[in-house]
Amino acid sequence: QQADAQGGWGAIADSAFDQVAFAASADAYRFDSFSFTAAGGAHFVAQAVPEPGTWLMMSGGLFALAWLGRRTRARS
């Protein structure tokens, strides 16, 4: 299935594509973009979306470690 520009969903036949291309970045080992060309000539490109939850979890973990370290020093 795919989402169109208006937010609707549609099914895609397996034989509808004649080319699939991946572009990868070697410095971070991630996909920068994914694109495919439909057999009818239309070209679609999907871009990666950053995950804000990753930064939130890392910040929360660092805060918890700092809080535990401060709590341990206060007891000694």
Protein backbone atom coordinates (compact mmCIF):
# COMPACT_ATOMS: atom_id res chain seq x y z
CA GLN A 1 0.00 0.00 0.00
CA GLN A 2 1.01 3.60 -0.45
CA ALA A 3 -0.23 6.98 0.74
CA ASP A 4 -0.98 9.57 -1.88
CA ALA A 5 -0.48 13.34 -1.52
CA GLN A 6 -4.00 13.80 -0.17
CA GLY A 7 -3.45 11.26 2.64
CA GLY A 8 -5.42 8.43 1.00
CA TRP A 9 -4.26 4.83 0.71
CA GLY A 10 -4.05 2.68 -2.38
CA ALA A 11 -2.74 -0.73 -3.37
CA ILE A 12 0.18 -1.14 -5.78
CA ALA A 13 0.66 -4.17 -8.01
CA ASP A 14 4.05 -5.91 -7.74
CA SER A 15 4.65 -5.53 -11.47
CA ALA A 16 4.10 -1.75 -11.46
CA PHE A 17 7.77 -0.83 -10.89
CA ASP A 18 10.68 -1.07 -13.25
CA GLN A 19 13.40 0.47 -11.04
CA VAL A 20 14.17 0.82 -7.32
CA ALA A 21 17.14 2.91 -6.10
CA PHE A 22 18.67 3.39 -2.65
CA ALA A 23 21.07 6.16 -1.63
CA ALA A 24 23.14 5.48 1.50
CA SER A 25 25.46 7.68 3.52
CA ALA A 26 28.67 5.92 4.63
CA ASP A 27 29.46 8.33 7.46
CA ALA A 28 26.39 7.43 9.53
CA TYR A 29 25.27 4.12 7.97
CA ARG A 30 21.75 5.26 7.20
CA PHE A 31 19.56 5.63 4.14
CA ASP A 32 19.32 9.25 3.05
CA SER A 33 16.58 8.65 0.54
CA PHE A 34 14.60 5.91 -1.13
CA SER A 35 13.15 6.35 -4.57
CA PHE A 36 11.39 4.20 -7.11
CA THR A 37 10.08 4.73 -10.59
CA ALA A 38 6.70 3.36 -11.59
CA ALA A 39 6.47 1.58 -14.92
CA GLY A 40 4.15 4.37 -16.11
CA GLY A 41 6.89 6.98 -15.66
CA ALA A 42 5.94 8.59 -12.34
CA HIS A 43 8.85 9.12 -9.92
CA PHE A 44 8.42 9.02 -6.13
CA VAL A 45 11.02 9.93 -3.50
CA ALA A 46 10.68 9.26 0.23
CA GLN A 47 12.97 11.18 2.59
CA ALA A 48 14.06 10.07 6.05
CA VAL A 49 12.28 11.69 9.02
CA PRO A 50 14.36 12.46 12.14
CA GLU A 51 13.24 10.80 15.34
CA PRO A 52 12.86 13.38 18.15
CA GLY A 53 12.17 10.53 20.58
CA THR A 54 15.79 9.42 20.26
CA TRP A 55 17.06 12.74 21.61
CA LEU A 56 14.44 12.71 24.35
CA MET A 57 15.41 9.21 25.51
CA MET A 58 19.14 10.04 25.45
CA SER A 59 18.58 13.27 27.40
CA GLY A 60 16.41 11.43 29.92
CA GLY A 61 19.08 8.75 30.39
CA LEU A 62 21.83 11.31 30.95
CA PHE A 63 19.63 13.18 33.41
CA ALA A 64 18.93 9.93 35.31
CA LEU A 65 22.67 9.10 35.47
CA ALA A 66 23.49 12.59 36.76
CA TRP A 67 20.71 12.37 39.36
CA LEU A 68 21.92 8.94 40.55
CA GLY A 69 25.52 10.18 40.75
CA ARG A 70 24.49 13.21 42.77
CA ARG A 71 22.32 11.10 45.05
CA THR A 72 25.17 8.62 45.67
CA ARG A 73 27.61 11.46 46.53
CA ALA A 74 25.10 13.00 48.93
CA ARG A 75 24.86 9.73 50.92
CA SER A 76 28.64 9.35 51.34
